[in-house]
N, C-alpha and C. Protein backbone atom coordinates (compact mmCIF):
# COMPACT_ATOMS: atom_id res chain seq x y z
N MET A 1 -1.36 -18.36 7.98
CA MET A 1 -1.35 -17.81 6.62
C MET A 1 -1.13 -18.96 5.65
N ARG A 2 -1.91 -19.01 4.62
CA ARG A 2 -1.79 -20.07 3.64
C ARG A 2 -0.52 -19.90 2.83
N ASP A 3 -0.07 -20.98 2.21
CA ASP A 3 1.18 -20.96 1.45
C ASP A 3 1.12 -19.95 0.31
N GLY A 4 -0.01 -19.85 -0.38
CA GLY A 4 -0.15 -18.91 -1.48
C GLY A 4 -0.01 -17.46 -1.03
N LEU A 5 -0.63 -17.15 0.11
CA LEU A 5 -0.53 -15.79 0.64
C LEU A 5 0.89 -15.48 1.09
N ARG A 6 1.48 -16.44 1.76
CA ARG A 6 2.86 -16.25 2.24
C ARG A 6 3.80 -16.00 1.06
N ARG A 7 3.62 -16.78 0.00
CA ARG A 7 4.46 -16.63 -1.19
C ARG A 7 4.28 -15.25 -1.81
N GLU A 8 3.04 -14.78 -1.90
CA GLU A 8 2.78 -13.46 -2.50
C GLU A 8 3.39 -12.34 -1.66
N VAL A 9 3.34 -12.47 -0.34
CA VAL A 9 3.95 -11.46 0.53
C VAL A 9 5.46 -11.43 0.33
N ILE A 10 6.06 -12.60 0.26
CA ILE A 10 7.51 -12.69 0.07
C ILE A 10 7.91 -12.11 -1.28
N VAL A 11 7.13 -12.41 -2.31
CA VAL A 11 7.41 -11.87 -3.65
C VAL A 11 7.27 -10.35 -3.63
N LEU A 12 6.22 -9.83 -2.99
CA LEU A 12 6.01 -8.38 -2.93
C LEU A 12 7.18 -7.69 -2.23
N VAL A 13 7.57 -8.18 -1.09
CA VAL A 13 8.69 -7.58 -0.35
C VAL A 13 9.98 -7.68 -1.17
N GLY A 14 10.20 -8.83 -1.77
CA GLY A 14 11.40 -9.02 -2.58
C GLY A 14 11.46 -8.08 -3.78
N LEU A 15 10.32 -7.89 -4.45
CA LEU A 15 10.31 -6.99 -5.60
C LEU A 15 10.51 -5.53 -5.20
N VAL A 16 9.92 -5.13 -4.09
CA VAL A 16 10.13 -3.76 -3.61
C VAL A 16 11.60 -3.55 -3.26
N LEU A 17 12.20 -4.52 -2.60
CA LEU A 17 13.63 -4.41 -2.28
C LEU A 17 14.48 -4.39 -3.55
N ALA A 18 14.10 -5.18 -4.54
CA ALA A 18 14.85 -5.20 -5.81
C ALA A 18 14.76 -3.86 -6.52
N VAL A 19 13.57 -3.26 -6.55
CA VAL A 19 13.40 -1.94 -7.18
C VAL A 19 14.27 -0.92 -6.46
N ASP A 20 14.23 -0.94 -5.13
CA ASP A 20 15.04 0.00 -4.36
C ASP A 20 16.53 -0.22 -4.61
N LEU A 21 16.95 -1.47 -4.68
CA LEU A 21 18.36 -1.79 -4.93
C LEU A 21 18.79 -1.27 -6.30
N VAL A 22 17.98 -1.52 -7.31
CA VAL A 22 18.32 -1.08 -8.67
C VAL A 22 18.38 0.44 -8.75
N PHE A 23 17.35 1.11 -8.25
CA PHE A 23 17.33 2.57 -8.34
C PHE A 23 18.42 3.21 -7.46
N GLY A 24 18.68 2.61 -6.31
CA GLY A 24 19.77 3.11 -5.47
C GLY A 24 21.11 2.98 -6.15
N ALA A 25 21.33 1.84 -6.80
CA ALA A 25 22.59 1.63 -7.53
C ALA A 25 22.72 2.60 -8.69
N VAL A 26 21.64 2.79 -9.43
CA VAL A 26 21.68 3.74 -10.56
C VAL A 26 21.98 5.14 -10.04
N TYR A 27 21.38 5.52 -8.93
CA TYR A 27 21.60 6.85 -8.37
C TYR A 27 23.08 7.10 -8.10
N PHE A 28 23.74 6.13 -7.48
CA PHE A 28 25.15 6.32 -7.15
C PHE A 28 26.06 6.11 -8.35
N LEU A 29 25.77 5.12 -9.19
CA LEU A 29 26.62 4.86 -10.35
C LEU A 29 26.54 5.97 -11.39
N ALA A 30 25.37 6.58 -11.52
CA ALA A 30 25.20 7.68 -12.47
C ALA A 30 25.60 9.03 -11.85
N ARG A 31 26.05 8.97 -10.62
CA ARG A 31 26.48 10.18 -9.90
C ARG A 31 25.41 11.26 -9.90
N LEU A 32 24.19 10.85 -9.59
CA LEU A 32 23.08 11.79 -9.57
C LEU A 32 23.11 12.70 -8.36
N ARG A 33 23.97 12.39 -7.40
CA ARG A 33 24.10 13.26 -6.23
C ARG A 33 24.48 14.68 -6.64
N SER A 34 25.28 14.79 -7.70
CA SER A 34 25.73 16.11 -8.15
C SER A 34 24.91 16.62 -9.34
N ALA A 35 23.81 15.93 -9.67
CA ALA A 35 22.96 16.36 -10.79
C ALA A 35 22.09 17.54 -10.37
N SER A 36 21.46 18.14 -11.36
CA SER A 36 20.58 19.28 -11.07
C SER A 36 19.35 18.81 -10.30
N ASP A 37 18.67 19.76 -9.69
CA ASP A 37 17.47 19.43 -8.93
C ASP A 37 16.39 18.83 -9.82
N ALA A 38 16.29 19.31 -11.05
CA ALA A 38 15.28 18.79 -11.97
C ALA A 38 15.55 17.31 -12.30
N VAL A 39 16.80 16.96 -12.51
CA VAL A 39 17.15 15.57 -12.79
C VAL A 39 16.85 14.69 -11.58
N LYS A 40 17.21 15.18 -10.39
CA LYS A 40 16.92 14.42 -9.17
C LYS A 40 15.42 14.22 -8.98
N LEU A 41 14.65 15.26 -9.26
CA LEU A 41 13.20 15.16 -9.12
C LEU A 41 12.64 14.15 -10.11
N GLY A 42 13.10 14.20 -11.35
CA GLY A 42 12.66 13.23 -12.36
C GLY A 42 13.00 11.81 -11.96
N PHE A 43 14.20 11.62 -11.45
CA PHE A 43 14.63 10.30 -11.00
C PHE A 43 13.75 9.81 -9.85
N THR A 44 13.45 10.70 -8.93
CA THR A 44 12.60 10.35 -7.79
C THR A 44 11.20 9.98 -8.25
N VAL A 45 10.68 10.71 -9.22
CA VAL A 45 9.35 10.40 -9.76
C VAL A 45 9.36 9.01 -10.41
N LEU A 46 10.38 8.70 -11.20
CA LEU A 46 10.47 7.38 -11.82
C LEU A 46 10.56 6.28 -10.77
N TRP A 47 11.38 6.51 -9.76
CA TRP A 47 11.55 5.54 -8.68
C TRP A 47 10.21 5.29 -7.97
N THR A 48 9.50 6.37 -7.67
CA THR A 48 8.22 6.26 -6.99
C THR A 48 7.20 5.52 -7.85
N LEU A 49 7.15 5.84 -9.15
CA LEU A 49 6.20 5.17 -10.04
C LEU A 49 6.52 3.68 -10.18
N ALA A 50 7.80 3.35 -10.25
CA ALA A 50 8.19 1.94 -10.34
C ALA A 50 7.79 1.19 -9.06
N THR A 51 8.04 1.80 -7.91
CA THR A 51 7.66 1.18 -6.65
C THR A 51 6.14 1.04 -6.55
N LEU A 52 5.42 2.08 -6.96
CA LEU A 52 3.96 2.04 -6.94
C LEU A 52 3.42 0.92 -7.82
N ALA A 53 3.99 0.76 -9.01
CA ALA A 53 3.55 -0.31 -9.91
C ALA A 53 3.77 -1.68 -9.29
N VAL A 54 4.92 -1.88 -8.66
CA VAL A 54 5.21 -3.16 -8.02
C VAL A 54 4.26 -3.41 -6.85
N VAL A 55 4.01 -2.40 -6.04
CA VAL A 55 3.14 -2.56 -4.88
C VAL A 55 1.70 -2.81 -5.31
N LEU A 56 1.21 -2.07 -6.29
CA LEU A 56 -0.16 -2.28 -6.75
C LEU A 56 -0.34 -3.68 -7.33
N ARG A 57 0.64 -4.14 -8.08
CA ARG A 57 0.59 -5.50 -8.62
C ARG A 57 0.55 -6.52 -7.49
N GLY A 58 1.43 -6.33 -6.51
CA GLY A 58 1.50 -7.27 -5.40
C GLY A 58 0.24 -7.27 -4.55
N LEU A 59 -0.30 -6.10 -4.27
CA LEU A 59 -1.51 -6.03 -3.46
C LEU A 59 -2.71 -6.62 -4.19
N THR A 60 -2.76 -6.43 -5.51
CA THR A 60 -3.83 -7.03 -6.30
C THR A 60 -3.75 -8.55 -6.24
N ARG A 61 -2.54 -9.07 -6.38
CA ARG A 61 -2.36 -10.52 -6.32
C ARG A 61 -2.65 -11.06 -4.91
N LEU A 62 -2.30 -10.29 -3.88
CA LEU A 62 -2.62 -10.71 -2.51
C LEU A 62 -4.13 -10.75 -2.28
N ARG A 63 -4.83 -9.74 -2.77
CA ARG A 63 -6.28 -9.71 -2.61
C ARG A 63 -6.92 -10.91 -3.32
N LYS A 64 -6.45 -11.20 -4.52
CA LYS A 64 -6.99 -12.33 -5.28
C LYS A 64 -6.71 -13.64 -4.55
N ALA A 65 -5.51 -13.80 -4.04
CA ALA A 65 -5.15 -15.02 -3.32
C ALA A 65 -5.95 -15.15 -2.03
N ARG A 66 -6.20 -14.02 -1.38
CA ARG A 66 -6.95 -14.05 -0.13
C ARG A 66 -8.41 -14.41 -0.37
N GLN A 67 -8.97 -13.94 -1.48
CA GLN A 67 -10.37 -14.27 -1.79
C GLN A 67 -10.51 -15.74 -2.14
N GLN A 68 -9.47 -16.35 -2.64
CA GLN A 68 -9.53 -17.76 -2.99
C GLN A 68 -9.28 -18.67 -1.78
N THR A 69 -8.77 -18.11 -0.70
CA THR A 69 -8.47 -18.89 0.50
C THR A 69 -9.71 -18.88 1.40
N PRO A 70 -10.19 -20.07 1.78
CA PRO A 70 -11.35 -20.12 2.68
C PRO A 70 -11.02 -19.49 4.03
N SER A 71 -11.95 -18.74 4.54
CA SER A 71 -11.75 -18.07 5.82
C SER A 71 -11.93 -19.06 6.97
N THR A 72 -11.09 -18.95 7.99
CA THR A 72 -11.19 -19.81 9.16
C THR A 72 -11.69 -19.02 10.37
N ARG A 73 -12.09 -17.77 10.14
CA ARG A 73 -12.58 -16.94 11.24
C ARG A 73 -13.97 -17.39 11.65
N VAL A 74 -14.25 -17.22 12.93
CA VAL A 74 -15.57 -17.58 13.45
C VAL A 74 -16.29 -16.34 13.88
């Protein structure tokens, strides 16, 4: 794996973990465990959309980096 691809994978994994860490911390610090079902659902939707945005960005950058890397397959 080329250095550019490796870097993009590490950034993608790191950003997904960061989003999960932030949203997990907010969930517990805001005491959402005892919130209404509607609030929990809204929070889950926001968490999912944030994760989706990070993953789509990362996969787009991976695809671009991969297209720029010469293939060594025979």
